Amino acid sequence: MRLPFIGLLLLAVLLTIPARADVIAVNFTSALLSGSPVETLTFGGTLVNTGPAIFINGASLSLAAFDPSDYDLTTLLLNAPLTPLADGDSVGPFDFFTLTIPLGFADGSYTGTLFVQGGATSVDDAVLGSGDFTIRVAVPAADVPEPASLLLLGTALVGLGTVRRLRQRSS
């Protein structure tokens, strides 16, 4: 007798836990961009509403190793519709954000997540959807002169020295 009661109680508890499903699908044009330090990368794409009508009111990034001053979300906020985005509607493609790779950054791949915020009203800021992206940083190798270039430079210096000595002897 107790076993069915405990099962029903457990089912009731599970039904009260809110399920989290993204209402906004974040579709990047390219979720992987590569660059070098001091270079600015622009991520863009399309936002698709898969649920009831909602307002897009904000955005944020989760991006380890980067400072918030390295990226700018202004373009997403300027391009998001001011009116509610209806079920099934999309907006884009447009630029979501720009990111400048800081000087002195190490080679490697850095992953991040873009969060789109909003809700049923123009002041809500719940997370409506997210999309993952990757930045591949490639630090250019230092320029090393070719041996042939060094040989040419050395020959020119020896020739200039010889011409100078010949002029001094003839004077």
Protein backbone atom coordinates (compact mmCIF):
# COMPACT_ATOMS: atom_id res chain seq x y z
CA MET A 1 0.00 0.00 0.00
CA ARG A 2 2.84 2.41 0.78
CA LEU A 3 4.69 1.84 -2.49
CA PRO A 4 1.97 3.31 -4.78
CA PHE A 5 1.57 6.28 -2.44
CA ILE A 6 5.31 7.02 -2.50
CA GLY A 7 5.33 6.68 -6.30
CA LEU A 8 2.44 9.17 -6.62
CA LEU A 9 4.16 11.55 -4.22
CA LEU A 10 7.40 11.34 -6.21
CA LEU A 11 5.50 11.96 -9.46
CA ALA A 12 3.81 15.03 -7.95
CA VAL A 13 7.19 16.43 -6.87
CA LEU A 14 8.69 15.87 -10.32
CA LEU A 15 5.78 17.64 -11.99
CA THR A 16 6.32 20.75 -9.86
CA ILE A 17 9.95 21.15 -10.99
CA PRO A 18 9.95 23.63 -13.87
CA ALA A 19 11.38 22.31 -17.10
CA ARG A 20 13.84 24.61 -18.85
CA ALA A 21 13.54 24.75 -22.59
CA ASP A 22 15.01 27.49 -24.73
CA VAL A 23 12.33 29.73 -26.23
CA ILE A 24 14.85 31.49 -28.49
CA ALA A 25 17.08 29.42 -30.76
CA VAL A 26 20.43 31.16 -31.31
CA ASN A 27 21.77 30.17 -34.74
CA PHE A 28 25.28 31.47 -35.43
CA THR A 29 26.29 32.10 -39.04
CA SER A 30 29.65 30.65 -37.97
CA ALA A 31 30.14 29.47 -34.39
CA LEU A 32 33.93 29.24 -34.87
CA LEU A 33 36.05 32.26 -35.77
CA SER A 34 39.83 32.57 -35.80
CA GLY A 35 42.05 35.58 -35.25
CA SER A 36 45.26 36.98 -33.85
CA PRO A 37 45.83 39.35 -30.93
CA VAL A 38 44.50 42.90 -31.52
CA GLU A 39 42.16 41.56 -34.25
CA THR A 40 38.38 42.15 -33.95
CA LEU A 41 36.01 39.27 -34.71
CA THR A 42 32.28 39.67 -35.44
CA PHE A 43 29.82 36.90 -34.56
CA GLY A 44 26.39 37.04 -36.14
CA GLY A 45 23.40 34.92 -36.99
CA THR A 46 19.66 34.57 -36.58
CA LEU A 47 17.34 34.41 -33.55
CA VAL A 48 14.23 32.21 -33.88
CA ASN A 49 11.32 32.24 -31.43
CA THR A 50 10.09 28.69 -30.75
CA GLY A 51 7.52 29.59 -28.11
CA PRO A 52 4.94 32.22 -27.20
CA ALA A 53 5.41 35.89 -28.15
CA ILE A 54 8.33 37.40 -26.22
CA PHE A 55 10.38 40.56 -25.98
CA ILE A 56 14.16 40.40 -26.44
CA ASN A 57 15.46 42.80 -23.81
CA GLY A 58 19.12 41.99 -23.32
CA ALA A 59 22.08 39.72 -23.83
CA SER A 60 25.18 38.59 -21.99
CA LEU A 61 28.28 36.51 -22.64
CA SER A 62 30.01 33.84 -20.63
CA LEU A 63 33.57 33.80 -21.92
CA ALA A 64 36.42 32.72 -19.66
CA ALA A 65 39.80 34.48 -20.03
CA PHE A 66 38.25 37.52 -21.73
CA ASP A 67 37.42 40.76 -19.95
CA PRO A 68 33.97 42.29 -20.58
CA SER A 69 35.74 45.30 -22.10
CA ASP A 70 36.99 42.98 -24.88
CA TYR A 71 33.50 42.48 -26.38
CA ASP A 72 30.52 44.63 -27.38
CA LEU A 73 26.90 43.41 -27.47
CA THR A 74 25.48 46.69 -28.76
CA THR A 75 24.71 45.37 -32.26
CA LEU A 76 22.48 42.59 -30.91
CA LEU A 77 20.56 45.02 -28.72
CA LEU A 78 20.14 47.51 -31.59
CA ASN A 79 18.96 44.84 -34.05
CA ALA A 80 16.56 42.99 -31.71
CA PRO A 81 12.93 43.91 -32.44
CA LEU A 82 11.28 46.47 -30.12
CA THR A 83 7.94 44.66 -30.44
CA PRO A 84 7.28 41.10 -29.27
CA LEU A 85 8.68 38.37 -31.49
CA ALA A 86 5.75 36.05 -32.31
CA ASP A 87 5.87 32.25 -32.18
CA GLY A 88 7.85 30.94 -35.16
CA ASP A 89 9.16 34.37 -36.17
CA SER A 90 12.86 35.03 -36.64
CA VAL A 91 15.07 38.06 -36.77
CA GLY A 92 18.33 38.22 -38.68
CA PRO A 93 20.77 37.51 -39.95
CA PHE A 94 22.61 40.35 -38.22
CA ASP A 95 25.73 40.92 -36.12
CA PHE A 96 25.33 39.70 -32.53
CA PHE A 97 28.56 41.03 -31.03
CA THR A 98 32.16 41.98 -31.72
CA LEU A 99 35.16 40.77 -29.77
CA THR A 100 38.71 42.11 -29.80
CA ILE A 101 41.44 39.61 -28.96
CA PRO A 102 43.73 41.30 -26.40
CA LEU A 103 47.43 41.77 -27.04
CA GLY A 104 49.52 39.03 -25.46
CA PHE A 105 46.83 36.33 -25.67
CA ALA A 106 48.13 32.76 -25.96
CA ASP A 107 47.45 30.36 -28.83
CA GLY A 108 44.42 28.16 -28.28
CA SER A 109 40.68 27.75 -28.51
CA TYR A 110 38.38 29.64 -26.16
CA THR A 111 34.70 28.66 -25.88
CA GLY A 112 31.88 30.89 -24.76
CA THR A 113 28.11 31.15 -24.61
CA LEU A 114 25.81 33.94 -25.75
CA PHE A 115 22.68 34.30 -23.59
CA VAL A 116 19.61 36.09 -24.97
CA GLN A 117 17.38 37.62 -22.29
CA GLY A 118 13.82 38.90 -22.19
CA GLY A 119 10.32 37.66 -21.49
CA ALA A 120 6.62 38.36 -21.75
CA THR A 121 7.09 42.09 -21.04
CA SER A 122 9.59 44.71 -22.16
CA VAL A 123 11.28 44.70 -18.73
CA ASP A 124 11.75 40.95 -18.18
CA ASP A 125 15.32 39.65 -18.19
CA ALA A 126 15.00 35.86 -17.97
CA VAL A 127 17.35 33.78 -20.12
CA LEU A 128 15.31 32.86 -23.21
CA GLY A 129 18.00 30.97 -25.11
CA SER A 130 21.70 30.49 -25.59
CA GLY A 131 24.25 29.54 -28.21
CA ASP A 132 27.83 28.28 -27.89
CA PHE A 133 30.72 29.68 -29.93
CA THR A 134 34.50 29.21 -30.17
CA ILE A 135 37.35 31.64 -30.75
CA ARG A 136 40.59 30.19 -32.08
CA VAL A 137 43.56 32.45 -31.30
CA ALA A 138 46.69 32.06 -33.44
CA VAL A 139 49.67 34.17 -32.43
CA PRO A 140 51.82 34.90 -35.51
CA ALA A 141 55.39 33.62 -35.35
CA ALA A 142 58.14 36.21 -35.11
CA ASP A 143 59.69 37.04 -38.47
CA VAL A 144 63.11 35.40 -38.79
CA PRO A 145 65.26 36.48 -41.73
CA GLU A 146 66.06 33.81 -44.28
CA PRO A 147 69.74 32.72 -44.46
CA ALA A 148 69.95 33.99 -48.06
CA SER A 149 68.84 37.45 -46.89
CA LEU A 150 71.52 37.48 -44.21
CA LEU A 151 74.15 36.41 -46.78
CA LEU A 152 73.07 39.21 -49.13
CA LEU A 153 73.20 41.78 -46.29
CA GLY A 154 76.66 40.54 -45.23
CA THR A 155 77.99 40.73 -48.79
CA ALA A 156 76.70 44.29 -49.16
CA LEU A 157 78.38 45.35 -45.91
CA VAL A 158 81.72 43.79 -46.95
CA GLY A 159 81.46 45.54 -50.35
CA LEU A 160 80.76 48.93 -48.71
CA GLY A 161 83.75 48.43 -46.38
CA THR A 162 86.00 47.56 -49.33
CA VAL A 163 84.90 50.64 -51.29
CA ARG A 164 85.56 52.84 -48.25
CA ARG A 165 89.09 51.45 -47.78
CA LEU A 166 89.90 51.91 -51.46
CA ARG A 167 88.77 55.56 -51.30
CA GLN A 168 90.87 56.19 -48.19
CA ARG A 169 94.01 54.73 -49.87
CA SER A 170 93.56 56.80 -53.02
CA SER A 171 93.19 60.06 -51.05
